[in-house]
Amino acid sequence: MKNRCEILPLPNHQYQFLIDGVEKTRWHFDEVYPRPFFYPILGASGESLTRMGHPGAPNHDHHRSVWFAHNKVFGHNFWGDDTQTKVRQSQWIAIEEGDDSARLAVELDWLDGHDPTPLLKQTMIAEIKPNTKGNWTLELQSTFTPTSEELELQKTNFGFLAVRVSKQIAGYFGGGKLTNSERSETEKNIFGKAAKWMDYSGSQFSHALDREIDEGISYIDHPSNFGQPTRWHVREDGWMGASPCMDSDLMLKKASPTTLRYLLLIHGDSVNPETCDSLYQKFSMTEPMRIDRSRKSHTHASIIRKK
């Protein structure tokens, strides 16, 4: 029986996420890249709401659509491409499909480029779900576990989850708009400020519809995340990222791993603050997903969430 939500492994180290047989995004983890990423992020226009790289700065090729990184991991730069650091997918753990959602769990190794033993391991669970009016969500839950007893992540604006929007949606290049949960707008009024969610919306030309269409991405924080109230690093040139380490260092501990949870809403039309507020409240009340390795079925592991 065919599931409404699917995850399809593809050649060249990719996983395709589909809803009703239509691709919504892909997870890329080929070792030709310094770190994995999601691309494209397809909205109602049929065009990607994100892009690879900066529209006007060739030294920003490390901006790959939607990706995980951190600028200061025990003194190592896992943000830029001009370092020896790498993030490598060491294994996939579970793939689950259904009518309500599809989930992928993978393990990622953060390598400093010198020692074959990773500095830390990231267990990422990605869940795609249909939303109302053809919209969809991508929940990204990551648990970070150092291989040593402790590992310091220094204070920085850069990390962990970054989003580079398309040129047409970017404020500077295409006339799009940044909005946060406090109803503030533009980089000038939002940069470094605390917020529950951030949105980047604008108008894109849809080749499929042969017209302009309004759409965007709402990026929702979870109140259990480190660094509350979360401050945001945003730019009119087209990117946004929650910055849990903007004000202080984060000490990762092997005995008590750190979990960060974020939700991306890919939506048609302009930003709807009331919808984002409601989604934040619902997301805040959900339990984290966890991996069950009891092997009670033919699968290696399963992904579950308490109701």
Protein backbone atom coordinates (compact mmCIF):
# COMPACT_ATOMS: atom_id res chain seq x y z
CA MET A 1 0.00 0.00 0.00
CA LYS A 2 1.43 3.37 -1.01
CA ASN A 3 2.06 5.91 1.74
CA ARG A 4 1.19 9.56 1.29
CA CYS A 5 4.57 10.64 2.74
CA GLU A 6 7.69 8.90 1.44
CA ILE A 7 11.49 9.00 1.64
CA LEU A 8 13.26 7.60 -1.40
CA PRO A 9 17.00 6.80 -1.38
CA LEU A 10 18.63 8.04 -4.59
CA PRO A 11 22.04 7.67 -6.24
CA ASN A 12 24.84 10.09 -5.35
CA HIS A 13 24.05 10.00 -1.62
CA GLN A 14 20.66 11.65 -1.58
CA TYR A 15 17.30 11.07 0.09
CA GLN A 16 14.20 12.45 -1.62
CA PHE A 17 11.27 13.55 0.58
CA LEU A 18 7.87 13.33 -1.14
CA ILE A 19 4.26 14.15 -0.28
CA ASP A 20 1.58 12.67 -2.57
CA GLY A 21 4.31 11.66 -4.99
CA VAL A 22 5.63 15.22 -5.33
CA GLU A 23 9.17 16.04 -4.24
CA LYS A 24 9.44 18.62 -1.45
CA THR A 25 13.13 18.44 -0.55
CA ARG A 26 16.29 16.31 -0.67
CA TRP A 27 18.93 15.49 1.90
CA HIS A 28 22.42 15.58 0.31
CA PHE A 29 25.31 13.89 2.14
CA ASP A 30 27.86 13.16 -0.58
CA GLU A 31 31.46 13.59 0.57
CA VAL A 32 32.17 16.02 -2.27
CA TYR A 33 30.59 18.59 0.08
CA PRO A 34 32.11 19.66 3.43
CA ARG A 35 28.80 19.04 5.20
CA PRO A 36 25.29 17.75 4.39
CA PHE A 37 22.33 19.96 3.50
CA PHE A 38 18.72 20.05 2.32
CA TYR A 39 18.04 21.29 -1.22
CA PRO A 40 15.73 22.20 -2.86
CA ILE A 41 12.95 23.43 -0.58
CA LEU A 42 9.98 23.38 -2.95
CA GLY A 43 6.91 25.51 -2.31
CA ALA A 44 3.61 26.14 -4.03
CA SER A 45 5.30 27.82 -7.00
CA GLY A 46 7.24 24.65 -7.82
CA GLU A 47 10.41 26.71 -7.44
CA SER A 48 12.96 26.34 -4.65
CA LEU A 49 12.57 28.81 -1.79
CA THR A 50 16.25 28.32 -0.99
CA ARG A 51 19.45 28.51 -3.03
CA MET A 52 23.02 27.29 -3.10
CA GLY A 53 25.40 30.12 -2.24
CA HIS A 54 25.10 33.88 -1.95
CA PRO A 55 23.76 35.82 -4.98
CA GLY A 56 26.54 38.40 -4.80
CA ALA A 57 29.42 37.02 -2.72
CA PRO A 58 31.53 34.15 -4.13
CA ASN A 59 33.17 33.64 -0.72
CA HIS A 60 29.82 32.42 0.66
CA ASP A 61 29.58 29.10 -1.18
CA HIS A 62 29.30 27.43 2.22
CA HIS A 63 25.72 28.73 2.30
CA ARG A 64 23.98 25.60 1.07
CA SER A 65 20.21 26.05 1.29
CA VAL A 66 19.38 24.55 4.74
CA TRP A 67 22.34 23.17 6.66
CA PHE A 68 23.89 22.50 10.08
CA ALA A 69 27.17 24.12 11.12
CA HIS A 70 28.90 25.95 13.97
CA ASN A 71 31.71 28.47 13.80
CA LYS A 72 33.57 27.63 17.01
CA VAL A 73 33.68 23.99 18.09
CA PHE A 74 36.55 23.82 20.59
CA GLY A 75 38.39 26.34 18.42
CA HIS A 76 37.58 24.58 15.13
CA ASN A 77 35.60 26.35 12.40
CA PHE A 78 32.82 24.10 11.10
CA TRP A 79 31.11 27.02 9.33
CA GLY A 80 33.27 28.01 6.35
CA ASP A 81 34.66 25.96 3.50
CA ASP A 82 38.23 27.22 3.92
CA THR A 83 39.03 24.80 6.76
CA GLN A 84 39.86 21.09 7.06
CA THR A 85 36.79 20.37 9.15
CA LYS A 86 34.10 18.07 7.77
CA VAL A 87 30.69 16.74 8.76
CA ARG A 88 30.14 13.22 7.47
CA GLN A 89 27.10 10.98 7.59
CA SER A 90 28.39 7.78 9.16
CA GLN A 91 25.14 5.81 8.92
CA TRP A 92 21.43 6.02 8.40
CA ILE A 93 19.51 4.69 11.37
CA ALA A 94 15.87 4.52 10.34
CA ILE A 95 13.42 5.46 7.57
CA GLU A 96 9.71 5.53 8.34
CA GLU A 97 6.85 6.39 6.02
CA GLY A 98 3.12 6.91 6.47
CA ASP A 99 0.13 9.03 5.52
CA ASP A 100 0.71 11.63 8.24
CA SER A 101 4.49 11.95 8.05
CA ALA A 102 7.80 10.47 6.93
CA ARG A 103 10.96 10.41 9.08
CA LEU A 104 14.65 9.91 8.44
CA ALA A 105 17.21 9.39 11.22
CA VAL A 106 20.94 9.59 10.53
CA GLU A 107 24.18 9.85 12.47
CA LEU A 108 26.70 12.56 11.56
CA ASP A 109 30.37 12.76 12.59
CA TRP A 110 31.97 16.19 13.12
CA LEU A 111 35.66 15.76 12.18
CA ASP A 112 38.39 18.34 12.80
CA GLY A 113 40.41 17.19 9.76
CA HIS A 114 43.33 15.81 11.80
CA ASP A 115 42.01 13.18 14.20
CA PRO A 116 39.95 10.32 12.67
CA THR A 117 37.90 10.25 15.87
CA PRO A 118 35.05 12.77 15.59
CA LEU A 119 34.86 15.65 18.05
CA LEU A 120 31.15 15.04 18.38
CA LYS A 121 28.30 13.02 16.95
CA GLN A 122 25.03 14.49 15.76
CA THR A 123 21.94 12.31 15.61
CA MET A 124 19.50 14.06 13.30
CA ILE A 125 15.85 13.18 12.85
CA ALA A 126 14.05 14.90 9.97
CA GLU A 127 10.27 14.67 9.76
CA ILE A 128 8.21 15.93 6.82
CA LYS A 129 4.45 16.48 7.23
CA PRO A 130 1.67 17.87 5.06
CA ASN A 131 0.12 21.06 6.42
CA THR A 132 -3.02 22.97 5.46
CA LYS A 133 -3.57 24.52 1.99
CA GLY A 134 -0.77 22.54 0.39
CA ASN A 135 1.83 23.84 2.84
CA TRP A 136 4.25 21.46 4.56
CA THR A 137 6.61 21.33 7.51
CA LEU A 138 10.11 19.99 8.05
CA GLU A 139 10.95 19.29 11.68
CA LEU A 140 14.66 18.99 12.42
CA GLN A 141 15.73 17.50 15.74
CA SER A 142 19.44 17.11 16.46
CA THR A 143 21.14 15.58 19.49
CA PHE A 144 24.81 16.50 19.94
CA THR A 145 27.05 14.14 21.89
CA PRO A 146 30.79 14.80 22.33
CA THR A 147 33.16 11.84 22.16
CA SER A 148 35.11 13.29 25.11
CA GLU A 149 33.50 13.93 28.48
CA GLU A 150 32.99 17.62 27.60
CA LEU A 151 33.33 19.80 24.53
CA GLU A 152 33.06 23.58 24.51
CA LEU A 153 31.20 25.45 21.78
CA GLN A 154 32.27 29.06 21.99
CA LYS A 155 30.13 32.15 21.77
CA THR A 156 29.25 32.96 18.14
CA ASN A 157 26.44 34.19 15.91
CA PHE A 158 27.01 31.32 13.48
CA GLY A 159 25.27 28.04 14.30
CA PHE A 160 23.49 25.64 14.36
CA LEU A 161 20.75 25.66 11.72
CA ALA A 162 21.02 28.14 8.84
CA VAL A 163 18.65 28.94 5.98
CA ARG A 164 19.70 30.68 2.75
CA VAL A 165 16.58 31.79 0.87
CA SER A 166 16.26 32.21 -2.88
CA LYS A 167 17.37 35.39 -4.63
CA GLN A 168 13.79 36.44 -5.38
CA ILE A 169 12.74 36.15 -1.74
CA ALA A 170 15.85 37.86 -0.32
CA GLY A 171 15.09 41.42 0.77
CA TYR A 172 18.06 43.08 -0.91
CA PHE A 173 17.98 41.14 -4.18
CA GLY A 174 14.29 40.42 -4.66
CA GLY A 175 12.20 42.56 -2.37
CA GLY A 176 11.22 39.89 0.15
CA LYS A 177 10.55 40.65 3.80
CA LEU A 178 11.87 39.48 7.16
CA THR A 179 9.30 39.30 9.98
CA ASN A 180 9.60 37.91 13.52
CA SER A 181 7.23 36.83 16.28
CA GLU A 182 7.33 40.31 17.80
CA ARG A 183 5.90 41.71 14.52
CA SER A 184 9.16 43.53 13.80
CA GLU A 185 10.37 43.75 10.21
CA THR A 186 13.69 44.21 8.36
CA GLU A 187 17.22 43.29 9.40
CA LYS A 188 17.72 46.63 11.15
CA ASN A 189 14.92 45.93 13.62
CA ILE A 190 15.41 42.16 13.98
CA PHE A 191 19.14 41.36 13.97
CA GLY A 192 20.26 40.06 17.37
CA LYS A 193 16.78 40.37 18.88
CA ALA A 194 15.01 37.56 20.73
CA ALA A 195 12.03 35.93 19.00
CA LYS A 196 10.02 32.72 19.01
CA TRP A 197 10.01 32.49 15.22
CA MET A 198 11.37 34.14 12.10
CA ASP A 199 9.88 34.36 8.61
CA TYR A 200 11.27 35.22 5.19
CA SER A 201 8.56 35.74 2.55
CA GLY A 202 8.43 37.24 -0.90
CA SER A 203 7.24 36.90 -4.46
CA GLN A 204 8.71 34.36 -6.89
CA PHE A 205 7.99 33.65 -10.52
CA SER A 206 6.48 30.22 -10.99
CA HIS A 207 7.35 28.62 -14.32
CA ALA A 208 4.66 26.00 -13.72
CA LEU A 209 1.95 28.65 -13.16
CA ASP A 210 3.48 31.30 -15.47
CA ARG A 211 2.99 34.03 -12.88
CA GLU A 212 4.36 35.53 -9.68
CA ILE A 213 3.33 33.84 -6.45
CA ASP A 214 3.83 34.85 -2.81
CA GLU A 215 5.43 32.26 -0.56
CA GLY A 216 7.98 31.87 2.19
CA ILE A 217 9.59 29.95 5.02
CA SER A 218 8.72 30.31 8.70
CA TYR A 219 11.54 29.13 11.01
CA ILE A 220 10.22 28.19 14.45
CA ASP A 221 12.30 27.75 17.60
CA HIS A 222 11.48 25.31 20.41
CA PRO A 223 11.45 26.73 23.97
CA SER A 224 13.46 23.77 25.28
CA ASN A 225 16.47 24.79 23.18
CA PHE A 226 19.64 26.15 24.76
CA GLY A 227 20.09 29.93 24.81
CA GLN A 228 16.54 31.02 25.57
CA PRO A 229 15.28 33.52 24.68
CA THR A 230 16.86 32.70 21.33
CA ARG A 231 18.43 35.58 19.41
CA TRP A 232 18.57 35.59 15.63
CA HIS A 233 21.21 36.30 13.02
CA VAL A 234 19.40 37.58 9.92
CA ARG A 235 20.37 39.47 6.79
CA GLU A 236 18.52 41.39 4.09
CA ASP A 237 20.75 39.59 1.57
CA GLY A 238 18.76 36.42 2.15
CA TRP A 239 19.57 34.33 5.18
CA MET A 240 18.33 33.63 8.69
CA GLY A 241 19.53 31.50 11.55
CA ALA A 242 18.70 30.99 15.21
CA SER A 243 21.84 31.73 17.28
CA PRO A 244 21.67 29.88 20.60
CA CYS A 245 25.34 30.70 21.28
CA MET A 246 25.05 34.42 20.49
CA ASP A 247 25.29 35.40 24.17
CA SER A 248 27.26 32.58 25.77
CA ASP A 249 29.30 29.41 25.32
CA LEU A 250 27.64 26.00 25.34
CA MET A 251 29.38 23.11 27.10
CA LEU A 252 28.35 19.82 25.53
CA LYS A 253 28.49 16.86 27.92
CA LYS A 254 28.76 13.21 27.00
CA ALA A 255 26.70 12.15 30.00
CA SER A 256 23.82 14.48 29.10
CA PRO A 257 23.69 15.20 25.34
CA THR A 258 22.19 18.46 24.07
CA THR A 259 19.13 18.34 21.84
CA LEU A 260 18.00 21.24 19.63
CA ARG A 261 14.64 21.27 17.89
CA TYR A 262 13.45 23.48 15.03
CA LEU A 263 10.47 23.53 12.68
CA LEU A 264 10.34 24.97 9.17
CA LEU A 265 6.94 25.81 7.69
CA ILE A 266 7.00 26.11 3.91
CA HIS A 267 3.96 28.20 3.07
CA GLY A 268 2.14 29.93 0.22
CA ASP A 269 1.05 33.57 0.47
CA SER A 270 2.68 36.16 2.70
CA VAL A 271 3.59 35.50 6.32
CA ASN A 272 0.63 34.94 8.64
CA PRO A 273 1.79 35.84 12.18
CA GLU A 274 -1.25 34.23 13.81
CA THR A 275 -0.55 30.95 12.03
CA CYS A 276 3.09 31.09 13.14
CA ASP A 277 2.05 31.83 16.74
CA SER A 278 -0.31 28.87 16.71
CA LEU A 279 2.28 26.57 15.20
CA TYR A 280 4.85 27.70 17.79
CA GLN A 281 2.41 26.83 20.60
CA LYS A 282 1.65 23.41 19.12
CA PHE A 283 5.31 22.67 18.47
CA SER A 284 6.20 23.76 22.01
CA MET A 285 3.86 21.15 23.45
CA THR A 286 5.19 18.20 21.45
CA GLU A 287 7.52 15.64 22.92
CA PRO A 288 10.89 15.06 21.24
CA MET A 289 11.27 12.12 18.89
CA ARG A 290 13.45 9.24 20.00
CA ILE A 291 15.03 6.23 18.37
CA ASP A 292 13.98 2.78 19.52
CA ARG A 293 16.66 0.16 18.82
CA SER A 294 14.80 -2.77 20.37
CA ARG A 295 14.49 -4.41 16.90
CA LYS A 296 11.00 -5.75 17.41
CA SER A 297 10.45 -5.81 13.66
CA HIS A 298 12.45 -6.32 10.46
CA THR A 299 13.80 -2.78 10.72
CA HIS A 300 17.04 -1.94 12.48
CA ALA A 301 15.38 0.80 14.54
CA SER A 302 12.22 2.88 14.72
CA ILE A 303 11.48 6.54 15.44
CA ILE A 304 8.80 7.24 18.00
CA ARG A 305 7.31 10.22 19.77
CA LYS A 306 5.23 10.18 22.92
CA LYS A 307 1.71 11.46 22.41
